[in-house]
Amino acid sequence: MPATISRHTVCITEPVSILLPVYNESEGIESVVAELVETVYRHLPTGSEFLIEESGSTDGTTEILQELTKRWPFITVSYRAQREGFAKATINLYQNASCPLLFFTDSDGQCVASEFWKLAHALCDNDMVLGVKRIRYDPLPRRLCSHGFNFLARRQFGFRYRDINFGFRLSRRELILSCLPHLKHMPVLINSEIAILAHCMGYHLTQVLVHHRPRIFGMSRGIDPQSLSRTAYQAFQGLRSLHDDFISQKLQRHAAEHDTIQSGR
């Protein structure tokens, strides 16, 4: 990969859906949206879209988004009366997206929007590109849990991806649509489950190092720090359940192939 990847060195020929889940981000959401508009959306092919899923914010985020859509009418915001959770918001975004390429990013301001072009550059021969934080600016307990979770995922499923849950990724729409009906094991870490399912289905995934900022405004909306231990337990249980399901399906396919061979003799 060239030392410097930017929109000037990457050619995107297919429309892209920018997908942004938002909840209680009033302090920074205007900057996040503006950065995505100016460094990504304005340089995408005709037919691209910018979708935001607003999950019942109570801190003024809704009013800010309403003003932003007046400034940028091409942005489509779905407003929810009450919080439905990150997983539901993510699924809604994926289901509503219509472009062949889907760019999912967090709304906390820690993702650097221009790093999208690194993902785009790597998508040529792949179906999904996972962003990997070059330096991770998260609290130590979260870093430790993430390290352990990703280590076990690599051991169980035989891949080398360093961070399968980071909300900064570019995917082909067909991959996402193939995975959505099978999501059931890790509702808290839905991005992780999608990545694992895609790998198990035989799609081509790769990872790219991207810059990650310290969080300046507010606190993390993904996992409540007070429930981190419970969430970690659920994540590890989900990982085990997904692995058992994967092994079971492999055995079923092997048995079906064996029966086919035997019947042909």
Protein backbone atom coordinates (compact mmCIF):
# COMPACT_ATOMS: atom_id res chain seq x y z
CA MET A 1 0.00 0.00 0.00
CA PRO A 2 1.35 3.47 -0.86
CA ALA A 3 2.65 5.53 2.05
CA THR A 4 -0.08 8.13 1.55
CA ILE A 5 -3.64 7.19 0.66
CA SER A 6 -6.17 9.95 0.00
CA ARG A 7 -9.16 10.69 -2.19
CA HIS A 8 -6.69 11.90 -4.82
CA THR A 9 -5.10 8.45 -5.13
CA VAL A 10 -8.23 6.27 -4.82
CA CYS A 11 -10.92 5.91 -7.45
CA ILE A 12 -14.37 4.88 -6.18
CA THR A 13 -16.66 3.94 -9.05
CA GLU A 14 -19.66 2.58 -7.13
CA PRO A 15 -22.03 4.62 -4.94
CA VAL A 16 -21.45 4.44 -1.19
CA SER A 17 -23.89 4.56 1.72
CA ILE A 18 -22.42 6.39 4.73
CA LEU A 19 -24.03 4.89 7.85
CA LEU A 20 -23.91 6.72 11.18
CA PRO A 21 -25.70 5.57 14.38
CA VAL A 22 -26.19 8.44 16.84
CA TYR A 23 -27.29 8.69 20.46
CA ASN A 24 -26.74 11.64 22.82
CA GLU A 25 -23.81 13.21 20.95
CA SER A 26 -24.93 16.85 21.06
CA GLU A 27 -21.48 18.20 21.93
CA GLY A 28 -19.70 16.78 18.92
CA ILE A 29 -22.20 15.59 16.33
CA GLU A 30 -22.01 18.72 14.17
CA SER A 31 -18.24 18.35 13.79
CA VAL A 32 -18.53 14.62 13.07
CA VAL A 33 -21.13 15.11 10.35
CA ALA A 34 -19.30 18.09 8.81
CA GLU A 35 -16.06 16.11 8.63
CA LEU A 36 -17.79 13.19 6.90
CA VAL A 37 -19.53 15.51 4.43
CA GLU A 38 -16.42 17.46 3.46
CA THR A 39 -13.81 14.69 3.39
CA VAL A 40 -15.90 11.74 2.19
CA TYR A 41 -19.42 12.37 0.89
CA ARG A 42 -18.61 15.26 -1.47
CA HIS A 43 -16.04 13.09 -3.27
CA LEU A 44 -18.19 9.98 -3.75
CA PRO A 45 -19.90 8.95 -7.01
CA THR A 46 -23.36 10.17 -7.92
CA GLY A 47 -26.03 8.09 -6.20
CA SER A 48 -24.22 7.89 -2.87
CA GLU A 49 -26.19 8.54 0.32
CA PHE A 50 -25.68 9.63 3.92
CA LEU A 51 -27.95 7.88 6.44
CA ILE A 52 -28.17 8.65 10.16
CA GLU A 53 -30.07 6.56 12.72
CA GLU A 54 -30.97 8.76 15.69
CA SER A 55 -31.96 6.55 18.63
CA GLY A 56 -34.09 8.73 20.88
CA SER A 57 -31.48 11.19 22.14
CA THR A 58 -32.41 13.33 25.13
CA ASP A 59 -29.57 15.89 25.12
CA GLY A 60 -30.48 18.05 22.12
CA THR A 61 -28.86 15.86 19.46
CA THR A 62 -32.18 15.57 17.61
CA GLU A 63 -32.54 19.34 17.26
CA ILE A 64 -28.96 19.68 16.01
CA LEU A 65 -29.51 17.00 13.38
CA GLN A 66 -32.67 18.75 12.22
CA GLU A 67 -30.65 21.92 11.64
CA LEU A 68 -27.89 19.96 9.85
CA THR A 69 -30.38 18.46 7.39
CA LYS A 70 -31.44 21.98 6.48
CA ARG A 71 -27.80 22.81 5.71
CA TRP A 72 -27.21 19.51 3.90
CA PRO A 73 -30.55 18.25 2.50
CA PHE A 74 -28.92 15.11 1.09
CA ILE A 75 -28.59 13.70 4.63
CA THR A 76 -31.41 11.35 5.64
CA VAL A 77 -32.10 10.98 9.37
CA SER A 78 -34.40 8.37 10.92
CA TYR A 79 -35.62 9.56 14.32
CA ARG A 80 -36.70 7.13 17.03
CA ALA A 81 -38.95 8.08 19.94
CA GLN A 82 -36.92 6.01 22.38
CA ARG A 83 -33.55 4.33 22.53
CA GLU A 84 -33.49 0.96 20.78
CA GLY A 85 -29.85 0.14 21.37
CA PHE A 86 -26.74 0.11 19.20
CA ALA A 87 -27.45 -3.27 17.59
CA LYS A 88 -30.95 -2.31 16.46
CA ALA A 89 -29.71 1.03 15.12
CA THR A 90 -26.95 -0.74 13.20
CA ILE A 91 -29.35 -3.27 11.68
CA ASN A 92 -31.76 -0.49 10.68
CA LEU A 93 -28.96 1.35 8.90
CA TYR A 94 -27.82 -1.74 7.03
CA GLN A 95 -31.37 -2.62 6.00
CA ASN A 96 -32.13 0.91 4.80
CA ALA A 97 -28.90 1.32 2.83
CA SER A 98 -29.30 1.02 -0.94
CA CYS A 99 -25.79 1.50 -2.35
CA PRO A 100 -23.48 -1.38 -3.34
CA LEU A 101 -20.82 -0.21 -0.85
CA LEU A 102 -21.57 0.45 2.84
CA PHE A 103 -19.31 2.65 4.99
CA PHE A 104 -20.15 2.26 8.68
CA THR A 105 -18.59 4.63 11.22
CA ASP A 106 -19.09 5.56 14.86
CA SER A 107 -20.37 9.03 15.78
CA ASP A 108 -18.21 9.73 18.85
CA GLY A 109 -15.64 11.83 16.99
CA GLN A 110 -12.79 9.38 17.56
CA CYS A 111 -12.79 8.08 13.98
CA VAL A 112 -10.88 10.14 11.40
CA ALA A 113 -13.21 10.42 8.41
CA SER A 114 -10.43 10.84 5.81
CA GLU A 115 -9.14 7.36 6.74
CA PHE A 116 -12.11 6.10 4.71
CA TRP A 117 -9.92 6.35 1.63
CA LYS A 118 -7.55 3.76 3.08
CA LEU A 119 -10.48 1.38 3.40
CA ALA A 120 -11.59 2.15 -0.14
CA HIS A 121 -8.12 1.48 -1.50
CA ALA A 122 -8.06 -1.96 0.14
CA LEU A 123 -11.55 -2.97 -1.00
CA CYS A 124 -10.56 -3.67 -4.59
CA ASP A 125 -9.87 -7.38 -4.04
CA ASN A 126 -11.95 -7.83 -0.88
CA ASP A 127 -15.54 -7.86 0.34
CA MET A 128 -14.97 -6.14 3.69
CA VAL A 129 -12.21 -3.91 5.04
CA LEU A 130 -11.88 -3.60 8.81
CA GLY A 131 -10.32 -0.50 10.28
CA VAL A 132 -7.77 -1.24 13.01
CA LYS A 133 -6.84 1.49 15.48
CA ARG A 134 -3.18 2.43 15.09
CA ILE A 135 -3.23 3.72 18.67
CA ARG A 136 -6.28 2.87 20.76
CA TYR A 137 -7.56 5.70 22.97
CA ASP A 138 -9.90 3.74 25.22
CA PRO A 139 -9.95 3.09 29.00
CA LEU A 140 -7.65 0.27 30.14
CA PRO A 141 -10.46 -2.15 31.18
CA ARG A 142 -12.03 -1.90 27.72
CA ARG A 143 -8.68 -2.41 26.02
CA LEU A 144 -8.00 -5.53 28.10
CA CYS A 145 -11.44 -7.02 27.41
CA SER A 146 -11.13 -6.24 23.71
CA HIS A 147 -7.66 -7.80 23.55
CA GLY A 148 -8.89 -11.00 25.20
CA PHE A 149 -12.01 -11.18 23.06
CA ASN A 150 -10.14 -10.69 19.79
CA PHE A 151 -7.46 -13.19 20.85
CA LEU A 152 -10.06 -15.90 21.46
CA ALA A 153 -11.87 -15.07 18.22
CA ARG A 154 -8.63 -15.47 16.27
CA ARG A 155 -7.92 -18.80 17.97
CA GLN A 156 -11.40 -20.20 17.45
CA PHE A 157 -12.01 -19.13 13.88
CA GLY A 158 -8.48 -19.13 12.48
CA PHE A 159 -8.22 -15.58 11.19
CA ARG A 160 -5.71 -12.82 11.97
CA TYR A 161 -7.93 -9.74 12.29
CA ARG A 162 -6.84 -7.64 15.26
CA ASP A 163 -10.11 -5.83 16.07
CA ILE A 164 -13.32 -7.26 14.66
CA ASN A 165 -15.62 -4.91 16.59
CA PHE A 166 -14.29 -1.46 15.69
CA GLY A 167 -17.07 0.62 14.12
CA PHE A 168 -15.10 1.85 11.14
CA ARG A 169 -15.44 -0.44 8.13
CA LEU A 170 -16.29 -0.62 4.46
CA SER A 171 -18.29 -3.57 3.12
CA ARG A 172 -20.01 -4.78 0.03
CA ARG A 173 -23.76 -4.71 0.50
CA GLU A 174 -24.23 -8.33 -0.56
CA LEU A 175 -21.97 -9.45 2.30
CA ILE A 176 -24.01 -7.55 4.88
CA LEU A 177 -27.33 -8.82 3.49
CA SER A 178 -26.00 -12.38 3.66
CA CYS A 179 -25.05 -11.98 7.32
CA LEU A 180 -28.08 -10.12 8.70
CA PRO A 181 -30.49 -13.12 8.83
CA HIS A 182 -27.99 -15.10 10.92
CA LEU A 183 -27.33 -12.54 13.67
CA LYS A 184 -28.32 -14.05 17.02
CA HIS A 185 -25.25 -14.74 19.15
CA MET A 186 -23.72 -11.35 20.05
CA PRO A 187 -26.30 -8.54 20.16
CA VAL A 188 -23.93 -6.27 22.09
CA LEU A 189 -21.06 -6.80 19.63
CA ILE A 190 -22.96 -6.93 16.38
CA ASN A 191 -20.02 -5.73 14.29
CA SER A 192 -17.94 -8.62 15.62
CA GLU A 193 -20.59 -11.16 14.72
CA ILE A 194 -20.92 -9.78 11.19
CA ALA A 195 -17.17 -10.01 10.65
CA ILE A 196 -17.03 -13.60 11.95
CA LEU A 197 -20.04 -14.68 9.90
CA ALA A 198 -18.57 -13.13 6.76
CA HIS A 199 -15.31 -14.98 7.36
CA CYS A 200 -17.13 -18.28 7.91
CA MET A 201 -19.19 -17.76 4.76
CA GLY A 202 -16.03 -17.48 2.69
CA TYR A 203 -16.03 -13.76 1.98
CA HIS A 204 -12.67 -12.03 1.62
CA LEU A 205 -11.83 -9.72 4.52
CA THR A 206 -8.77 -7.63 5.21
CA GLN A 207 -7.69 -5.03 7.76
CA VAL A 208 -6.10 -1.59 7.50
CA LEU A 209 -4.44 0.52 10.18
CA VAL A 210 -6.25 3.83 10.73
CA HIS A 211 -5.80 6.76 13.08
CA HIS A 212 -7.98 6.96 16.19
CA ARG A 213 -8.50 10.07 18.33
CA PRO A 214 -9.03 10.46 22.06
CA ARG A 215 -12.67 11.13 22.86
CA ILE A 216 -13.09 14.86 23.45
CA PHE A 217 -16.83 15.14 24.04
CA GLY A 218 -19.07 13.03 26.27
CA MET A 219 -18.59 9.36 27.11
CA SER A 220 -18.78 6.10 25.20
CA ARG A 221 -22.31 5.15 24.13
CA GLY A 222 -21.47 1.64 22.99
CA ILE A 223 -20.82 -0.24 26.24
CA ASP A 224 -21.69 1.15 29.66
CA PRO A 225 -18.47 1.15 31.73
CA GLN A 226 -20.48 0.14 34.82
CA SER A 227 -21.67 -3.03 33.10
CA LEU A 228 -18.39 -3.87 31.36
CA SER A 229 -17.87 -7.14 33.23
CA ARG A 230 -21.38 -8.37 32.40
CA THR A 231 -21.01 -7.29 28.78
CA ALA A 232 -17.64 -9.04 28.54
CA TYR A 233 -19.15 -12.26 29.90
CA GLN A 234 -22.01 -12.08 27.39
CA ALA A 235 -19.53 -11.42 24.58
CA PHE A 236 -17.41 -14.45 25.45
CA GLN A 237 -20.52 -16.62 25.77
CA GLY A 238 -21.73 -15.37 22.40
CA LEU A 239 -18.36 -16.15 20.87
CA ARG A 240 -18.52 -19.70 22.19
CA SER A 241 -22.09 -20.14 20.97
CA LEU A 242 -21.20 -18.84 17.51
CA HIS A 243 -18.21 -21.18 17.35
CA ASP A 244 -20.34 -24.19 18.37
CA ASP A 245 -22.87 -23.24 15.70
CA PHE A 246 -20.08 -22.91 13.14
CA ILE A 247 -18.66 -26.36 14.00
CA SER A 248 -22.13 -27.91 13.90
CA GLN A 249 -22.80 -26.49 10.45
CA LYS A 250 -19.42 -27.70 9.21
CA LEU A 251 -20.22 -31.23 10.43
CA GLN A 252 -23.63 -31.09 8.79
CA ARG A 253 -22.09 -30.02 5.47
CA HIS A 254 -19.47 -32.74 5.77
CA ALA A 255 -22.16 -35.36 6.44
CA ALA A 256 -24.23 -34.14 3.49
CA GLU A 257 -21.20 -34.30 1.19
CA HIS A 258 -20.41 -37.82 2.47
CA ASP A 259 -23.98 -38.97 1.81
CA THR A 260 -23.81 -37.53 -1.71
CA ILE A 261 -20.60 -39.41 -2.42
CA GLN A 262 -21.99 -42.66 -1.02
CA SER A 263 -25.22 -42.38 -3.01
CA GLY A 264 -23.24 -41.85 -6.18
CA ARG A 265 -21.40 -45.16 -5.83
